C-alpha atoms as a PDB file:
ATOM      1  CA  MET A   1      29.241 195.962 107.068  1.00  0.00           C
ATOM      2  CA  GLU A   2      29.096 192.299 107.334  1.00  0.00           C
ATOM      3  CA  PRO A   3      31.138 190.169 104.907  1.00  0.00           C
ATOM      4  CA  GLN A   4      29.095 187.899 102.967  1.00  0.00           C
ATOM      5  CA  PHE A   5      30.524 184.351 101.866  1.00  0.00           C
ATOM      6  CA  ILE A   6      30.494 182.004  98.456  1.00  0.00           C
ATOM      7  CA  GLY A   7      29.018 178.795  99.699  1.00  0.00           C
ATOM      8  CA  SER A   8      27.582 177.619 102.839  1.00  0.00           C
ATOM      9  CA  GLY A   9      28.847 174.407 102.987  1.00  0.00           C
ATOM     10  CA  VAL A  10      32.565 174.270 103.648  1.00  0.00           C
ATOM     11  CA  PRO A  11      33.262 172.312 106.689  1.00  0.00           C
ATOM     12  CA  PRO A  12      35.980 174.013 109.704  1.00  0.00           C
ATOM     13  CA  TYR A  13      38.982 172.450 109.644  1.00  0.00           C
ATOM     14  CA  THR A  14      40.228 172.740 113.416  1.00  0.00           C
ATOM     15  CA  LYS A  15      38.082 172.490 116.448  1.00  0.00           C
ATOM     16  CA  ARG A  16      39.439 175.684 117.522  1.00  0.00           C
ATOM     17  CA  PRO A  17      37.713 178.608 118.302  1.00  0.00           C
ATOM     18  CA  LEU A  18      37.445 181.423 116.189  1.00  0.00           C
ATOM     19  CA  PRO A  19      38.628 184.918 117.743  1.00  0.00           C
ATOM     20  CA  GLY A  20      35.718 187.131 119.189  1.00  0.00           C
ATOM     21  CA  TYR A  21      36.122 189.991 116.827  1.00  0.00           C
ATOM     22  CA  ARG A  22      37.681 190.601 113.439  1.00  0.00           C
ATOM     23  CA  HIS A  23      40.536 192.632 113.328  1.00  0.00           C
ATOM     24  CA  LEU A  24      40.287 195.971 111.560  1.00  0.00           C
ATOM     25  CA  PRO A  25      44.020 197.734 111.439  1.00  0.00           C
ATOM     26  CA  PHE A  26      43.538 201.151 113.347  1.00  0.00           C
ATOM     27  CA  GLN A  27      39.809 200.731 114.369  1.00  0.00           C
ATOM     28  CA  ASN A  28      39.602 197.677 117.109  1.00  0.00           C
ATOM     29  CA  ALA A  29      42.001 195.987 119.869  1.00  0.00           C
ATOM     30  CA  HIS A  30      45.397 194.588 118.308  1.00  0.00           C
ATOM     31  CA  PRO A  31      44.890 191.020 118.554  1.00  0.00           C
ATOM     32  CA  PHE A  32      47.979 190.322 120.201  1.00  0.00           C
ATOM     33  CA  LEU A  33      49.525 193.526 121.399  1.00  0.00           C
ATOM     34  CA  ASP A  34      46.426 194.987 123.330  1.00  0.00           C
ATOM     35  CA  ALA A  35      45.627 193.613 126.680  1.00  0.00           C
ATOM     36  CA  GLU A  36      42.323 193.615 125.614  1.00  0.00           C
ATOM     37  CA  GLY A  37      43.112 191.676 121.993  1.00  0.00           C
ATOM     38  CA  HIS A  38      41.603 188.344 120.975  1.00  0.00           C
ATOM     39  CA  SER A  39      45.104 186.686 121.345  1.00  0.00           C
ATOM     40  CA  TYR A  40      46.617 188.959 123.876  1.00  0.00           C
ATOM     41  CA  GLY A  41      49.547 186.511 125.122  1.00  0.00           C
ATOM     42  CA  GLU A  42      50.014 184.533 122.485  1.00  0.00           C
ATOM     43  CA  LYS A  43      53.027 184.356 120.821  1.00  0.00           C
ATOM     44  CA  LEU A  44      53.044 182.275 117.266  1.00  0.00           C
ATOM     45  CA  SER A  45      56.155 180.061 115.832  1.00  0.00           C
ATOM     46  CA  PRO A  46      56.521 178.204 112.758  1.00  0.00           C
ATOM     47  CA  PRO A  47      55.074 174.865 112.663  1.00  0.00           C
ATOM     48  CA  ASP A  48      58.232 172.476 112.382  1.00  0.00           C
ATOM     49  CA  SER A  49      57.078 171.825 109.258  1.00  0.00           C
ATOM     50  CA  PHE A  50      54.861 171.812 106.354  1.00  0.00           C
ATOM     51  CA  SER A  51      54.976 170.718 102.523  1.00  0.00           C
ATOM     52  CA  VAL A  52      53.250 169.434 100.261  1.00  0.00           C
ATOM     53  CA  GLU A  53      53.215 166.001 101.761  1.00  0.00           C
ATOM     54  CA  ASN A  54      52.183 167.069 104.850  1.00  0.00           C
ATOM     55  CA  TRP A  55      49.507 169.988 104.605  1.00  0.00           C
ATOM     56  CA  TRP A  56      46.645 167.835 106.392  1.00  0.00           C
ATOM     57  CA  ASN A  57      48.374 167.326 109.024  1.00  0.00           C
ATOM     58  CA  CYS A  58      49.777 171.252 109.727  1.00  0.00           C
ATOM     59  CA  GLU A  59      46.826 172.585 112.044  1.00  0.00           C
ATOM     60  CA  ASP A  60      48.381 176.096 111.550  1.00  0.00           C
ATOM     61  CA  TYR A  61      47.487 176.131 108.558  1.00  0.00           C
ATOM     62  CA  LEU A  62      44.094 174.427 108.748  1.00  0.00           C
ATOM     63  CA  TYR A  63      43.507 176.966 111.460  1.00  0.00           C
ATOM     64  CA  SER A  64      44.781 179.541 109.144  1.00  0.00           C
ATOM     65  CA  ILE A  65      42.067 178.316 106.446  1.00  0.00           C
ATOM     66  CA  ASP A  66      39.619 178.255 109.153  1.00  0.00           C
ATOM     67  CA  LEU A  67      40.204 182.246 109.557  1.00  0.00           C
ATOM     68  CA  PHE A  68      40.158 182.840 106.207  1.00  0.00           C
ATOM     69  CA  ASN A  69      36.751 181.783 105.721  1.00  0.00           C
ATOM     70  CA  HIS A  70      35.655 183.508 108.256  1.00  0.00           C
ATOM     71  CA  GLY A  71      36.566 187.167 107.286  1.00  0.00           C
ATOM     72  CA  PHE A  72      39.705 186.770 109.854  1.00  0.00           C
ATOM     73  CA  TRP A  73      41.543 188.104 107.244  1.00  0.00           C
ATOM     74  CA  TRP A  74      44.290 190.045 108.948  1.00  0.00           C
ATOM     75  CA  GLU A  75      44.246 186.767 111.731  1.00  0.00           C
ATOM     76  CA  ALA A  76      45.231 184.772 108.963  1.00  0.00           C
ATOM     77  CA  HIS A  77      47.388 186.384 107.242  1.00  0.00           C
ATOM     78  CA  GLU A  78      49.653 186.769 110.406  1.00  0.00           C
ATOM     79  CA  ARG A  79      49.007 183.072 110.918  1.00  0.00           C
ATOM     80  CA  LEU A  80      50.114 181.641 107.181  1.00  0.00           C
ATOM     81  CA  LYS A  81      53.325 183.884 107.773  1.00  0.00           C
ATOM     82  CA  HIS A  82      54.608 181.286 110.023  1.00  0.00           C
ATOM     83  CA  VAL A  83      53.401 178.102 107.867  1.00  0.00           C
ATOM     84  CA  SER A  84      55.695 180.188 105.159  1.00  0.00           C
ATOM     85  CA  ILE A  85      58.423 180.540 106.876  1.00  0.00           C
ATOM     86  CA  SER A  86      57.957 177.021 107.621  1.00  0.00           C
ATOM     87  CA  ALA A  87      57.652 176.098 103.929  1.00  0.00           C
ATOM     88  CA  GLY A  88      60.544 177.999 103.519  1.00  0.00           C
ATOM     89  CA  ARG A  89      59.955 180.873 101.712  1.00  0.00           C
ATOM     90  CA  GLU A  90      61.855 180.804  98.341  1.00  0.00           C
ATOM     91  CA  SER A  91      60.006 177.459  97.854  1.00  0.00           C
ATOM     92  CA  GLU A  92      57.015 176.758  95.841  1.00  0.00           C
ATOM     93  CA  THR A  93      55.192 176.042  98.624  1.00  0.00           C
ATOM     94  CA  GLY A  94      56.299 179.291 100.633  1.00  0.00           C
ATOM     95  CA  GLN A  95      55.631 181.522  97.440  1.00  0.00           C
ATOM     96  CA  PHE A  96      52.523 179.710  96.923  1.00  0.00           C
ATOM     97  CA  VAL A  97      51.480 180.401 101.001  1.00  0.00           C
ATOM     98  CA  GLN A  98      52.512 184.312 100.415  1.00  0.00           C
ATOM     99  CA  GLY A  99      50.407 184.347  97.633  1.00  0.00           C
ATOM    100  CA  LEU A 100      47.593 183.095 100.468  1.00  0.00           C
ATOM    101  CA  ILE A 101      48.884 186.097 102.566  1.00  0.00           C
ATOM    102  CA  GLN A 102      48.672 188.570 100.151  1.00  0.00           C
ATOM    103  CA  ILE A 103      44.895 187.902  98.691  1.00  0.00           C
ATOM    104  CA  ALA A 104      43.947 187.620 102.685  1.00  0.00           C
ATOM    105  CA  ALA A 105      45.613 191.079 103.060  1.00  0.00           C
ATOM    106  CA  ALA A 106      43.939 192.319  99.487  1.00  0.00           C
ATOM    107  CA  LEU A 107      40.471 191.020 100.861  1.00  0.00           C
ATOM    108  CA  LEU A 108      40.867 192.778 104.225  1.00  0.00           C
ATOM    109  CA  LYS A 109      41.354 195.911 102.118  1.00  0.00           C
ATOM    110  CA  HIS A 110      38.418 195.133 100.144  1.00  0.00           C
ATOM    111  CA  PHE A 111      36.057 195.000 103.308  1.00  0.00           C
ATOM    112  CA  MET A 112      37.756 198.390 104.752  1.00  0.00           C
ATOM    113  CA  GLN A 113      37.168 199.858 101.334  1.00  0.00           C
ATOM    114  CA  GLU A 114      40.782 200.316 100.692  1.00  0.00           C
ATOM    115  CA  ASP A 115      40.181 199.581  96.473  1.00  0.00           C
ATOM    116  CA  ARG A 116      43.886 200.629  95.642  1.00  0.00           C
ATOM    117  CA  GLY A 117      45.847 198.451  97.899  1.00  0.00           C
ATOM    118  CA  ALA A 118      43.254 195.563  97.454  1.00  0.00           C
ATOM    119  CA  ALA A 119      44.437 195.363  93.920  1.00  0.00           C
ATOM    120  CA  THR A 120      47.880 195.603  94.500  1.00  0.00           C
ATOM    121  CA  LEU A 121      47.904 192.864  96.865  1.00  0.00           C
ATOM    122  CA  ALA A 122      45.718 190.986  94.906  1.00  0.00           C
ATOM    123  CA  GLU A 123      47.569 191.610  91.777  1.00  0.00           C
ATOM    124  CA  LEU A 124      50.758 190.056  94.475  1.00  0.00           C
ATOM    125  CA  GLY A 125      48.724 187.212  95.677  1.00  0.00           C
ATOM    126  CA  LEU A 126      47.271 185.893  92.604  1.00  0.00           C
ATOM    127  CA  GLY A 127      50.569 186.002  90.356  1.00  0.00           C
ATOM    128  CA  ASN A 128      51.761 183.423  93.569  1.00  0.00           C
ATOM    129  CA  LEU A 129      48.805 181.395  93.325  1.00  0.00           C
ATOM    130  CA  GLN A 130      48.936 181.390  89.790  1.00  0.00           C
ATOM    131  CA  LYS A 131      52.325 180.166  89.629  1.00  0.00           C
ATOM    132  CA  VAL A 132      50.324 176.604  90.305  1.00  0.00           C
ATOM    133  CA  ALA A 133      47.851 174.580  88.913  1.00  0.00           C
ATOM    134  CA  GLY A 134      45.306 172.134  89.692  1.00  0.00           C
ATOM    135  CA  ILE A 135      44.927 171.301  93.081  1.00  0.00           C
ATOM    136  CA  TYR A 136      47.743 172.430  95.586  1.00  0.00           C
ATOM    137  CA  LEU A 137      48.012 171.990  99.180  1.00  0.00           C
ATOM    138  CA  GLY A 138      44.351 171.440  99.134  1.00  0.00           C
ATOM    139  CA  ILE A 139      43.204 174.256  97.487  1.00  0.00           C
ATOM    140  CA  ASP A 140      41.649 174.038  93.850  1.00  0.00           C
ATOM    141  CA  VAL A 141      43.891 176.707  92.871  1.00  0.00           C
ATOM    142  CA  ALA A 142      41.280 178.705  89.488  1.00  0.00           C
ATOM    143  CA  THR A 143      38.178 178.487  91.148  1.00  0.00           C
ATOM    144  CA  LEU A 144      40.371 179.952  94.062  1.00  0.00           C
ATOM    145  CA  VAL A 145      41.966 182.478  92.055  1.00  0.00           C
ATOM    146  CA  GLY A 146      38.159 182.986  89.900  1.00  0.00           C
ATOM    147  CA  GLN A 147      36.635 183.635  93.203  1.00  0.00           C
ATOM    148  CA  VAL A 148      39.140 186.293  93.933  1.00  0.00           C
ATOM    149  CA  LYS A 149      38.468 188.206  90.509  1.00  0.00           C
ATOM    150  CA  ASP A 150      34.800 187.732  90.995  1.00  0.00           C
ATOM    151  CA  CYS A 151      34.842 189.543  94.789  1.00  0.00           C
ATOM    152  CA  LEU A 152      37.389 192.373  93.965  1.00  0.00           C
ATOM    153  CA  LYS A 153      35.027 193.596  90.894  1.00  0.00           C
ATOM    154  CA  MET A 154      31.813 193.242  92.754  1.00  0.00           C
ATOM    155  CA  GLU A 155      30.361 196.679  95.309  1.00  0.00           C
ATOM    156  CA  ASN A 156      28.873 194.418  97.182  1.00  0.00           C
ATOM    157  CA  SER A 157      31.096 191.176  97.092  1.00  0.00           C
ATOM    158  CA  LYS A 158      30.778 187.200  98.063  1.00  0.00           C
ATOM    159  CA  TYR A 159      34.153 186.824  99.889  1.00  0.00           C
ATOM    160  CA  PRO A 160      36.283 183.563  98.628  1.00  0.00           C
ATOM    161  CA  ARG A 161      36.075 180.501 100.793  1.00  0.00           C
ATOM    162  CA  ILE A 162      38.248 177.972 100.388  1.00  0.00           C
ATOM    163  CA  HIS A 163      37.183 174.389 100.409  1.00  0.00           C
ATOM    164  CA  LEU A 164      40.363 172.053 100.733  1.00  0.00           C
ATOM    165  CA  ILE A 165      40.605 168.753  98.620  1.00  0.00           C
ATOM    166  CA  LYS A 166      42.360 166.394 101.134  1.00  0.00           C
ATOM    167  CA  ASP A 167      43.009 163.809  97.689  1.00  0.00           C
ATOM    168  CA  GLY A 168      44.208 165.810  95.007  1.00  0.00           C
END
């Protein structure tokens, strides 16, 4: 079962290659811990800084969005954790990134047909996203919220994609 994505016109935001496979917990090699993992040996750490003023220059954030847009939700959520730390987990920006982390995890659970976990994570994530309005960190919040809600209520889901808006 491969995910179906909304909108094919979303460009990549980095030149970094996507992983060789989508990690599905307990179904394939752990990306960082297993010698066969697509990111084995890589050490993740928070970016030097991340804020509403410099998000467009944060390679880790942009790559996380690329991962999210291609259904690498586990990978996106792992990398976004470090972005959240850099932003300050309790800050408005950190809480918004936490919402993205929860949404990525919810979409992974939905993909794995774990509907209860998906619903719980989506509720938390949407709550964090909806603390802001308009365009935030390049994301049209209302559009993403609508896409996530639509995705989770359909059996043959069209998964959301994030089209970043630089000036907003």
